[in-house]
Amino acid sequence: MPKADIALKDKKHKAEKPKPEPAKPTKPDPLKQQQLKQEQLRQEEIIRQQQAQAALAQLTQARQNAAQQSVVNDYSERIRGKIRQRLNRALCGDGNPLLIFDIAVLPTGQILGNPVLRKSSGIPACDKAVENAILQSDPLPVPTQPEIFAYFRDLHLNFKPNE
């Protein structure tokens, strides 16, 4: 029986082990906190700089687009003006008909093939008169800058002969 007593004593001894004390919160290291704060400020500054650069890039792109659009509008009006000079407006009546032509244009301004009538004025003589005026306007005034000429390669011309 003495063995049984020893076994009981061992179990009691194991059960009575003191529990470890919870770790006491350590004081934050002020140097480490300062370094973390500085790093956070650097990251925020980098983000602000990236946002400012993105905004500047958008503004620059918008200005370039506006300048391009201005040139496109200018050349579109030059084309319409040249066509109007050669147009017999009497064939288009008194109203304000709208015709839409698709015109293939070479970089030299020369018209490739015949203009394609996409929307008629409803007056066949007017449609033919505008088509003839377009052909007589060859070569059309087009910009020399390739990025702007791209707008004119396949020209979609809205034309009101009586404007």
N, C-alpha and C. Protein backbone atom coordinates (compact mmCIF):
# COMPACT_ATOMS: atom_id res chain seq x y z
N MET A 1 0.77 -1.20 0.00
CA MET A 1 0.00 0.00 0.00
C MET A 1 0.83 1.28 0.00
N PRO A 2 1.98 1.29 0.43
CA PRO A 2 2.72 2.52 0.45
C PRO A 2 2.84 3.14 -0.95
N LYS A 3 2.81 2.32 -1.97
CA LYS A 3 2.93 2.87 -3.33
C LYS A 3 1.72 3.73 -3.65
N ALA A 4 0.58 3.38 -3.21
CA ALA A 4 -0.63 4.14 -3.49
C ALA A 4 -0.56 5.52 -2.85
N ASP A 5 0.00 5.59 -1.62
CA ASP A 5 0.11 6.89 -0.98
C ASP A 5 1.03 7.83 -1.76
N ILE A 6 2.08 7.26 -2.26
CA ILE A 6 3.04 8.07 -3.02
C ILE A 6 2.38 8.60 -4.29
N ALA A 7 1.60 7.76 -4.94
CA ALA A 7 0.93 8.18 -6.18
C ALA A 7 -0.06 9.30 -5.89
N LEU A 8 -0.76 9.24 -4.78
CA LEU A 8 -1.70 10.29 -4.43
C LEU A 8 -0.99 11.60 -4.12
N LYS A 9 0.14 11.49 -3.44
CA LYS A 9 0.89 12.69 -3.11
C LYS A 9 1.38 13.40 -4.39
N ASP A 10 1.82 12.60 -5.38
CA ASP A 10 2.30 13.19 -6.64
C ASP A 10 1.16 13.92 -7.36
N LYS A 11 -0.04 13.32 -7.36
CA LYS A 11 -1.17 13.95 -8.04
C LYS A 11 -1.54 15.26 -7.34
N LYS A 12 -1.52 15.27 -6.00
CA LYS A 12 -1.85 16.48 -5.26
C LYS A 12 -0.82 17.55 -5.55
N HIS A 13 0.42 17.15 -5.61
CA HIS A 13 1.49 18.11 -5.83
C HIS A 13 1.36 18.75 -7.22
N LYS A 14 1.00 17.94 -8.20
CA LYS A 14 0.83 18.45 -9.56
C LYS A 14 -0.38 19.37 -9.64
N ALA A 15 -1.42 19.06 -8.98
CA ALA A 15 -2.64 19.85 -9.04
C ALA A 15 -2.47 21.19 -8.34
N GLU A 16 -1.59 21.29 -7.41
CA GLU A 16 -1.44 22.51 -6.63
C GLU A 16 -0.38 23.46 -7.18
N LYS A 17 0.09 23.22 -8.38
CA LYS A 17 1.10 24.12 -8.94
C LYS A 17 0.51 25.51 -9.07
N PRO A 18 1.27 26.52 -8.74
CA PRO A 18 0.76 27.89 -8.84
C PRO A 18 0.59 28.27 -10.33
N LYS A 19 -0.45 29.04 -10.57
CA LYS A 19 -0.72 29.50 -11.93
C LYS A 19 0.23 30.65 -12.24
N PRO A 20 0.69 30.70 -13.49
CA PRO A 20 1.60 31.82 -13.82
C PRO A 20 0.82 33.13 -13.80
N GLU A 21 1.46 34.17 -13.37
CA GLU A 21 0.83 35.48 -13.31
C GLU A 21 0.68 36.03 -14.72
N PRO A 22 -0.44 36.71 -14.98
CA PRO A 22 -0.59 37.30 -16.31
C PRO A 22 0.51 38.35 -16.54
N ALA A 23 0.92 38.45 -17.78
CA ALA A 23 2.00 39.39 -18.11
C ALA A 23 1.51 40.81 -17.86
N LYS A 24 2.33 41.56 -17.20
CA LYS A 24 2.00 42.94 -16.92
C LYS A 24 2.21 43.74 -18.21
N PRO A 25 1.25 44.63 -18.51
CA PRO A 25 1.46 45.43 -19.72
C PRO A 25 2.74 46.24 -19.60
N THR A 26 3.51 46.16 -20.66
CA THR A 26 4.78 46.89 -20.63
C THR A 26 4.52 48.30 -21.13
N LYS A 27 5.28 49.21 -20.64
CA LYS A 27 5.15 50.59 -21.07
C LYS A 27 5.67 50.67 -22.50
N PRO A 28 4.90 51.33 -23.38
CA PRO A 28 5.39 51.47 -24.75
C PRO A 28 6.67 52.27 -24.78
N ASP A 29 7.53 51.85 -25.65
CA ASP A 29 8.82 52.52 -25.80
C ASP A 29 8.58 53.85 -26.52
N PRO A 30 8.85 54.97 -25.89
CA PRO A 30 8.58 56.27 -26.52
C PRO A 30 9.35 56.45 -27.83
N LEU A 31 10.54 55.93 -27.91
CA LEU A 31 11.34 56.05 -29.13
C LEU A 31 10.68 55.28 -30.27
N LYS A 32 10.23 54.08 -29.93
CA LYS A 32 9.57 53.26 -30.95
C LYS A 32 8.27 53.91 -31.40
N GLN A 33 7.51 54.48 -30.48
CA GLN A 33 6.27 55.17 -30.82
C GLN A 33 6.56 56.36 -31.74
N GLN A 34 7.58 57.09 -31.44
CA GLN A 34 7.95 58.24 -32.26
C GLN A 34 8.34 57.79 -33.67
N GLN A 35 9.08 56.70 -33.77
CA GLN A 35 9.48 56.17 -35.07
C GLN A 35 8.25 55.72 -35.88
N LEU A 36 7.32 55.06 -35.21
CA LEU A 36 6.10 54.62 -35.89
C LEU A 36 5.29 55.81 -36.38
N LYS A 37 5.20 56.84 -35.55
CA LYS A 37 4.45 58.03 -35.93
C LYS A 37 5.11 58.72 -37.12
N GLN A 38 6.44 58.81 -37.11
CA GLN A 38 7.16 59.43 -38.22
C GLN A 38 6.96 58.62 -39.51
N GLU A 39 6.99 57.32 -39.41
CA GLU A 39 6.78 56.46 -40.59
C GLU A 39 5.36 56.65 -41.13
N GLN A 40 4.40 56.74 -40.24
CA GLN A 40 3.02 56.96 -40.67
C GLN A 40 2.89 58.32 -41.38
N LEU A 41 3.54 59.34 -40.84
CA LEU A 41 3.51 60.66 -41.46
C LEU A 41 4.17 60.63 -42.84
N ARG A 42 5.27 59.88 -42.95
CA ARG A 42 5.94 59.75 -44.26
C ARG A 42 5.02 59.07 -45.27
N GLN A 43 4.35 58.03 -44.84
CA GLN A 43 3.42 57.31 -45.73
C GLN A 43 2.27 58.22 -46.17
N GLU A 44 1.75 59.00 -45.23
CA GLU A 44 0.66 59.93 -45.57
C GLU A 44 1.14 60.99 -46.55
N GLU A 45 2.37 61.46 -46.38
CA GLU A 45 2.93 62.46 -47.30
C GLU A 45 3.13 61.86 -48.69
N ILE A 46 3.58 60.63 -48.76
CA ILE A 46 3.74 59.96 -50.05
C ILE A 46 2.39 59.84 -50.75
N ILE A 47 1.36 59.48 -50.01
CA ILE A 47 0.02 59.35 -50.58
C ILE A 47 -0.47 60.71 -51.08
N ARG A 48 -0.24 61.77 -50.29
CA ARG A 48 -0.64 63.12 -50.72
C ARG A 48 0.09 63.52 -52.00
N GLN A 49 1.38 63.22 -52.08
CA GLN A 49 2.15 63.56 -53.28
C GLN A 49 1.64 62.78 -54.49
N GLN A 50 1.33 61.51 -54.30
CA GLN A 50 0.81 60.70 -55.41
C GLN A 50 -0.54 61.24 -55.88
N GLN A 51 -1.39 61.64 -54.93
CA GLN A 51 -2.69 62.20 -55.29
C GLN A 51 -2.52 63.52 -56.04
N ALA A 52 -1.58 64.33 -55.60
CA ALA A 52 -1.33 65.61 -56.27
C ALA A 52 -0.80 65.37 -57.69
N GLN A 53 0.09 64.40 -57.85
CA GLN A 53 0.61 64.08 -59.18
C GLN A 53 -0.49 63.56 -60.09
N ALA A 54 -1.37 62.74 -59.55
CA ALA A 54 -2.48 62.20 -60.35
C ALA A 54 -3.42 63.34 -60.77
N ALA A 55 -3.70 64.25 -59.86
CA ALA A 55 -4.57 65.38 -60.18
C ALA A 55 -3.92 66.27 -61.25
N LEU A 56 -2.62 66.50 -61.13
CA LEU A 56 -1.91 67.30 -62.12
C LEU A 56 -1.92 66.61 -63.49
N ALA A 57 -1.73 65.30 -63.49
CA ALA A 57 -1.76 64.54 -64.76
C ALA A 57 -3.14 64.63 -65.39
N GLN A 58 -4.19 64.55 -64.59
CA GLN A 58 -5.56 64.66 -65.13
C GLN A 58 -5.79 66.05 -65.70
N LEU A 59 -5.33 67.07 -65.00
CA LEU A 59 -5.49 68.44 -65.47
C LEU A 59 -4.73 68.65 -66.77
N THR A 60 -3.51 68.14 -66.84
CA THR A 60 -2.71 68.26 -68.06
C THR A 60 -3.39 67.55 -69.22
N GLN A 61 -3.90 66.36 -68.96
CA GLN A 61 -4.60 65.60 -70.01
C GLN A 61 -5.86 66.34 -70.45
N ALA A 62 -6.58 66.91 -69.53
CA ALA A 62 -7.80 67.65 -69.87
C ALA A 62 -7.46 68.86 -70.73
N ARG A 63 -6.36 69.55 -70.39
CA ARG A 63 -5.94 70.71 -71.19
C ARG A 63 -5.53 70.28 -72.60
N GLN A 64 -4.81 69.16 -72.69
CA GLN A 64 -4.40 68.66 -74.01
C GLN A 64 -5.63 68.26 -74.83
N ASN A 65 -6.57 67.60 -74.19
CA ASN A 65 -7.80 67.21 -74.89
C ASN A 65 -8.57 68.43 -75.37
N ALA A 66 -8.63 69.45 -74.52
CA ALA A 66 -9.34 70.67 -74.90
C ALA A 66 -8.64 71.36 -76.07
N ALA A 67 -7.31 71.38 -76.02
CA ALA A 67 -6.56 72.00 -77.12
C ALA A 67 -6.77 71.21 -78.41
N GLN A 68 -6.72 69.88 -78.31
CA GLN A 68 -6.96 69.05 -79.49
C GLN A 68 -8.37 69.27 -80.03
N GLN A 69 -9.34 69.30 -79.13
CA GLN A 69 -10.72 69.49 -79.56
C GLN A 69 -10.90 70.84 -80.23
N SER A 70 -10.20 71.83 -79.75
CA SER A 70 -10.26 73.16 -80.36
C SER A 70 -9.72 73.11 -81.79
N VAL A 71 -8.62 72.40 -81.98
CA VAL A 71 -8.04 72.27 -83.32
C VAL A 71 -8.98 71.47 -84.22
N VAL A 72 -9.55 70.40 -83.68
CA VAL A 72 -10.50 69.58 -84.45
C VAL A 72 -11.68 70.44 -84.88
N ASN A 73 -12.23 71.22 -83.96
CA ASN A 73 -13.37 72.09 -84.28
C ASN A 73 -12.99 73.12 -85.35
N ASP A 74 -11.78 73.67 -85.23
CA ASP A 74 -11.31 74.66 -86.19
C ASP A 74 -11.24 74.06 -87.60
N TYR A 75 -10.64 72.89 -87.71
CA TYR A 75 -10.51 72.26 -89.03
C TYR A 75 -11.86 71.78 -89.56
N SER A 76 -12.73 71.35 -88.67
CA SER A 76 -14.07 70.95 -89.11
C SER A 76 -14.79 72.14 -89.74
N GLU A 77 -14.66 73.30 -89.12
CA GLU A 77 -15.29 74.51 -89.67
C GLU A 77 -14.63 74.92 -90.98
N ARG A 78 -13.31 74.76 -91.08
CA ARG A 78 -12.63 75.07 -92.34
C ARG A 78 -13.15 74.18 -93.48
N ILE A 79 -13.34 72.91 -93.17
CA ILE A 79 -13.87 71.97 -94.17
C ILE A 79 -15.27 72.39 -94.59
N ARG A 80 -16.13 72.66 -93.60
CA ARG A 80 -17.51 73.08 -93.92
C ARG A 80 -17.51 74.36 -94.74
N GLY A 81 -16.63 75.30 -94.39
CA GLY A 81 -16.55 76.57 -95.12
C GLY A 81 -16.13 76.36 -96.57
N LYS A 82 -15.16 75.50 -96.78
CA LYS A 82 -14.70 75.24 -98.14
C LYS A 82 -15.81 74.59 -98.97
N ILE A 83 -16.56 73.70 -98.35
CA ILE A 83 -17.67 73.04 -99.05
C ILE A 83 -18.77 74.06 -99.36
N ARG A 84 -19.10 74.93 -98.38
CA ARG A 84 -20.15 75.95 -98.59
C ARG A 84 -19.83 76.87 -99.76
N GLN A 85 -18.53 77.17 -99.94
CA GLN A 85 -18.12 78.06 -101.04
C GLN A 85 -18.47 77.45 -102.40
N ARG A 86 -18.49 76.14 -102.46
CA ARG A 86 -18.72 75.46 -103.74
C ARG A 86 -20.15 74.92 -103.89
N LEU A 87 -21.00 75.22 -102.93
CA LEU A 87 -22.35 74.65 -102.90
C LEU A 87 -23.37 75.59 -103.55
N ASN A 88 -24.26 75.00 -104.36
CA ASN A 88 -25.40 75.73 -104.92
C ASN A 88 -26.54 75.59 -103.91
N ARG A 89 -26.66 76.58 -103.02
CA ARG A 89 -27.65 76.51 -101.93
C ARG A 89 -29.08 76.56 -102.44
N ALA A 90 -29.29 77.09 -103.59
CA ALA A 90 -30.65 77.20 -104.14
C ALA A 90 -31.29 75.82 -104.27
N LEU A 91 -30.46 74.78 -104.45
CA LEU A 91 -31.00 73.42 -104.61
C LEU A 91 -31.47 72.83 -103.28
N CYS A 92 -31.15 73.48 -102.18
CA CYS A 92 -31.49 72.93 -100.86
C CYS A 92 -32.73 73.57 -100.24
N GLY A 93 -33.36 74.50 -100.94
CA GLY A 93 -34.60 75.08 -100.43
C GLY A 93 -34.36 76.09 -99.33
N ASP A 94 -35.47 76.46 -98.66
CA ASP A 94 -35.40 77.51 -97.63
C ASP A 94 -35.21 76.96 -96.22
N GLY A 95 -35.47 75.69 -96.00
CA GLY A 95 -35.38 75.12 -94.65
C GLY A 95 -33.93 75.01 -94.19
N ASN A 96 -33.74 74.24 -93.15
CA ASN A 96 -32.39 74.02 -92.62
C ASN A 96 -32.13 72.52 -92.55
N PRO A 97 -32.04 71.87 -93.72
CA PRO A 97 -31.85 70.42 -93.71
C PRO A 97 -30.47 70.03 -93.17
N LEU A 98 -30.40 68.83 -92.64
CA LEU A 98 -29.14 68.27 -92.14
C LEU A 98 -28.78 67.07 -92.98
N LEU A 99 -27.57 67.05 -93.48
CA LEU A 99 -27.06 65.91 -94.22
C LEU A 99 -25.87 65.36 -93.46
N ILE A 100 -25.69 64.07 -93.51
CA ILE A 100 -24.52 63.46 -92.88
C ILE A 100 -23.81 62.62 -93.93
N PHE A 101 -22.52 62.92 -94.11
CA PHE A 101 -21.69 62.20 -95.06
C PHE A 101 -20.52 61.57 -94.32
N ASP A 102 -20.12 60.39 -94.76
CA ASP A 102 -18.86 59.78 -94.32
C ASP A 102 -17.88 59.96 -95.46
N ILE A 103 -16.69 60.48 -95.13
CA ILE A 103 -15.70 60.78 -96.14
C ILE A 103 -14.35 60.20 -95.70
N ALA A 104 -13.73 59.41 -96.56
CA ALA A 104 -12.39 58.90 -96.28
C ALA A 104 -11.39 59.93 -96.77
N VAL A 105 -10.49 60.35 -95.89
CA VAL A 105 -9.56 61.43 -96.20
C VAL A 105 -8.12 60.94 -95.99
N LEU A 106 -7.27 61.26 -96.94
CA LEU A 106 -5.84 60.94 -96.83
C LEU A 106 -5.14 62.04 -96.03
N PRO A 107 -3.95 61.78 -95.50
CA PRO A 107 -3.23 62.81 -94.73
C PRO A 107 -2.97 64.09 -95.52
N THR A 108 -2.99 64.00 -96.85
CA THR A 108 -2.79 65.19 -97.68
C THR A 108 -4.07 66.01 -97.81
N GLY A 109 -5.19 65.48 -97.31
CA GLY A 109 -6.48 66.15 -97.43
C GLY A 109 -7.28 65.67 -98.62
N GLN A 110 -6.66 64.84 -99.45
CA GLN A 110 -7.38 64.33 -100.62
C GLN A 110 -8.46 63.36 -100.19
N ILE A 111 -9.58 63.42 -100.92
CA ILE A 111 -10.72 62.55 -100.63
C ILE A 111 -10.50 61.23 -101.32
N LEU A 112 -10.67 60.16 -100.59
CA LEU A 112 -10.47 58.82 -101.12
C LEU A 112 -11.84 58.25 -101.47
N GLY A 113 -12.10 58.07 -102.76
CA GLY A 113 -13.40 57.55 -103.18
C GLY A 113 -14.46 58.62 -103.13
N ASN A 114 -15.71 58.19 -103.16
CA ASN A 114 -16.84 59.12 -103.11
C ASN A 114 -17.38 59.22 -101.68
N PRO A 115 -17.87 60.39 -101.31
CA PRO A 115 -18.51 60.53 -100.00
C PRO A 115 -19.74 59.62 -99.94
N VAL A 116 -20.00 59.08 -98.76
CA VAL A 116 -21.15 58.19 -98.57
C VAL A 116 -22.22 58.95 -97.78
N LEU A 117 -23.40 59.09 -98.38
CA LEU A 117 -24.51 59.78 -97.73
C LEU A 117 -25.11 58.87 -96.67
N ARG A 118 -25.05 59.28 -95.41
CA ARG A 118 -25.61 58.49 -94.30
C ARG A 118 -27.00 59.00 -93.90
N LYS A 119 -27.22 60.31 -94.07
CA LYS A 119 -28.53 60.88 -93.75
C LYS A 119 -28.86 61.91 -94.81
N SER A 120 -29.96 61.68 -95.46
CA SER A 120 -30.39 62.55 -96.55
C SER A 120 -31.13 63.77 -96.00
N SER A 121 -31.13 64.82 -96.80
CA SER A 121 -31.90 66.02 -96.46
C SER A 121 -33.37 65.82 -96.81
N GLY A 122 -33.64 64.81 -97.58
CA GLY A 122 -35.00 64.58 -98.07
C GLY A 122 -35.22 65.27 -99.41
N ILE A 123 -34.22 65.97 -99.87
CA ILE A 123 -34.29 66.67 -101.17
C ILE A 123 -33.15 66.09 -102.02
N PRO A 124 -33.45 65.21 -102.94
CA PRO A 124 -32.39 64.56 -103.73
C PRO A 124 -31.45 65.56 -104.42
N ALA A 125 -31.97 66.67 -104.94
CA ALA A 125 -31.11 67.65 -105.61
C ALA A 125 -30.13 68.28 -104.63
N CYS A 126 -30.57 68.51 -103.40
CA CYS A 126 -29.70 69.07 -102.35
C CYS A 126 -28.62 68.07 -101.98
N ASP A 127 -29.02 66.81 -101.80
CA ASP A 127 -28.05 65.76 -101.46
C ASP A 127 -26.94 65.70 -102.50
N LYS A 128 -27.34 65.74 -103.79
CA LYS A 128 -26.37 65.66 -104.88
C LYS A 128 -25.51 66.92 -104.94
N ALA A 129 -26.12 68.08 -104.68
CA ALA A 129 -25.37 69.34 -104.70
C ALA A 129 -24.30 69.35 -103.60
N VAL A 130 -24.62 68.84 -102.42
CA VAL A 130 -23.64 68.80 -101.31
C VAL A 130 -22.54 67.81 -101.65
N GLU A 131 -22.91 66.66 -102.19
CA GLU A 131 -21.90 65.67 -102.57
C GLU A 131 -20.94 66.27 -103.61
N ASN A 132 -21.49 66.96 -104.61
CA ASN A 132 -20.63 67.59 -105.62
C ASN A 132 -19.73 68.66 -105.01
N ALA A 133 -20.27 69.43 -104.07
CA ALA A 133 -19.48 70.47 -103.41
C ALA A 133 -18.33 69.84 -102.61
N ILE A 134 -18.60 68.70 -101.99
CA ILE A 134 -17.54 68.00 -101.24
C ILE A 134 -16.44 67.57 -102.21
N LEU A 135 -16.81 66.96 -103.31
CA LEU A 135 -15.83 66.49 -104.29
C LEU A 135 -15.05 67.65 -104.90
N GLN A 136 -15.70 68.79 -105.11
CA GLN A 136 -15.02 69.97 -105.67
C GLN A 136 -14.09 70.63 -104.64
N SER A 137 -14.27 70.31 -103.37
CA SER A 137 -13.45 70.89 -102.30
C SER A 137 -12.16 70.11 -102.08
N ASP A 138 -11.95 69.07 -102.87
CA ASP A 138 -10.75 68.23 -102.75
C ASP A 138 -9.52 69.03 -103.20
N PRO A 139 -8.47 69.12 -102.41
CA PRO A 139 -8.24 68.51 -101.11
C PRO A 139 -8.85 69.33 -99.97
N LEU A 140 -9.27 68.63 -98.95
CA LEU A 140 -9.86 69.28 -97.77
C LEU A 140 -8.75 69.80 -96.86
N PRO A 141 -8.99 70.88 -96.15
CA PRO A 141 -8.00 71.35 -95.18
C PRO A 141 -7.98 70.43 -93.96
N VAL A 142 -6.84 69.80 -93.71
CA VAL A 142 -6.71 68.89 -92.56
C VAL A 142 -5.45 69.24 -91.78
N PRO A 143 -5.43 68.96 -90.50
CA PRO A 143 -4.24 69.25 -89.69
C PRO A 143 -3.09 68.32 -90.06
N THR A 144 -1.88 68.81 -89.86
CA THR A 144 -0.70 68.01 -90.19
C THR A 144 -0.26 67.12 -89.03
N GLN A 145 -0.71 67.43 -87.82
CA GLN A 145 -0.33 66.61 -86.66
C GLN A 145 -1.04 65.26 -86.75
N PRO A 146 -0.30 64.16 -86.75
CA PRO A 146 -0.92 62.83 -86.91
C PRO A 146 -1.97 62.51 -85.84
N GLU A 147 -1.73 62.92 -84.59
CA GLU A 147 -2.68 62.58 -83.53
C GLU A 147 -4.00 63.33 -83.71
N ILE A 148 -3.96 64.48 -84.35
CA ILE A 148 -5.19 65.23 -84.59
C ILE A 148 -5.81 64.80 -85.93
N PHE A 149 -4.96 64.51 -86.91
CA PHE A 149 -5.49 64.07 -88.20
C PHE A 149 -6.31 62.78 -88.04
N ALA A 150 -5.99 61.98 -87.03
CA ALA A 150 -6.73 60.73 -86.81
C ALA A 150 -8.23 60.97 -86.72
N TYR A 151 -8.64 62.16 -86.26
CA TYR A 151 -10.07 62.49 -86.18
C TYR A 151 -10.68 62.68 -87.57
N PHE A 152 -9.84 62.92 -88.56
CA PHE A 152 -10.33 63.25 -89.90
C PHE A 152 -10.17 62.11 -90.91
N ARG A 153 -9.44 61.10 -90.55
CA ARG A 153 -9.18 59.99 -91.48
C ARG A 153 -10.50 59.42 -92.02
N ASP A 154 -11.41 59.13 -91.12
CA ASP A 154 -12.76 58.69 -91.50
C ASP A 154 -13.72 59.76 -91.00
N LEU A 155 -13.86 60.79 -91.81
CA LEU A 155 -14.61 61.98 -91.41
C LEU A 155 -16.11 61.71 -91.45
N HIS A 156 -16.76 61.98 -90.35
CA HIS A 156 -18.23 61.88 -90.23
C HIS A 156 -18.71 63.32 -90.22
N LEU A 157 -19.14 63.81 -91.39
CA LEU A 157 -19.45 65.23 -91.57
C LEU A 157 -20.94 65.50 -91.45
N ASN A 158 -21.32 66.26 -90.42
CA ASN A 158 -22.69 66.78 -90.30
C ASN A 158 -22.68 68.13 -91.02
N PHE A 159 -23.59 68.28 -91.97
CA PHE A 159 -23.57 69.49 -92.79
C PHE A 159 -24.96 70.06 -92.94
N LYS A 160 -25.09 71.34 -92.61
CA LYS A 160 -26.34 72.08 -92.81
C LYS A 160 -26.07 73.12 -93.88
N PRO A 161 -26.55 72.91 -95.10
CA PRO A 161 -26.19 73.79 -96.21
C PRO A 161 -26.66 75.22 -96.05
N ASN A 162 -27.71 75.47 -95.32
CA ASN A 162 -28.26 76.82 -95.22
C ASN A 162 -27.79 77.58 -93.98
N GLU A 163 -26.82 77.10 -93.29
CA GLU A 163 -26.30 77.83 -92.12
C GLU A 163 -25.33 78.89 -92.55
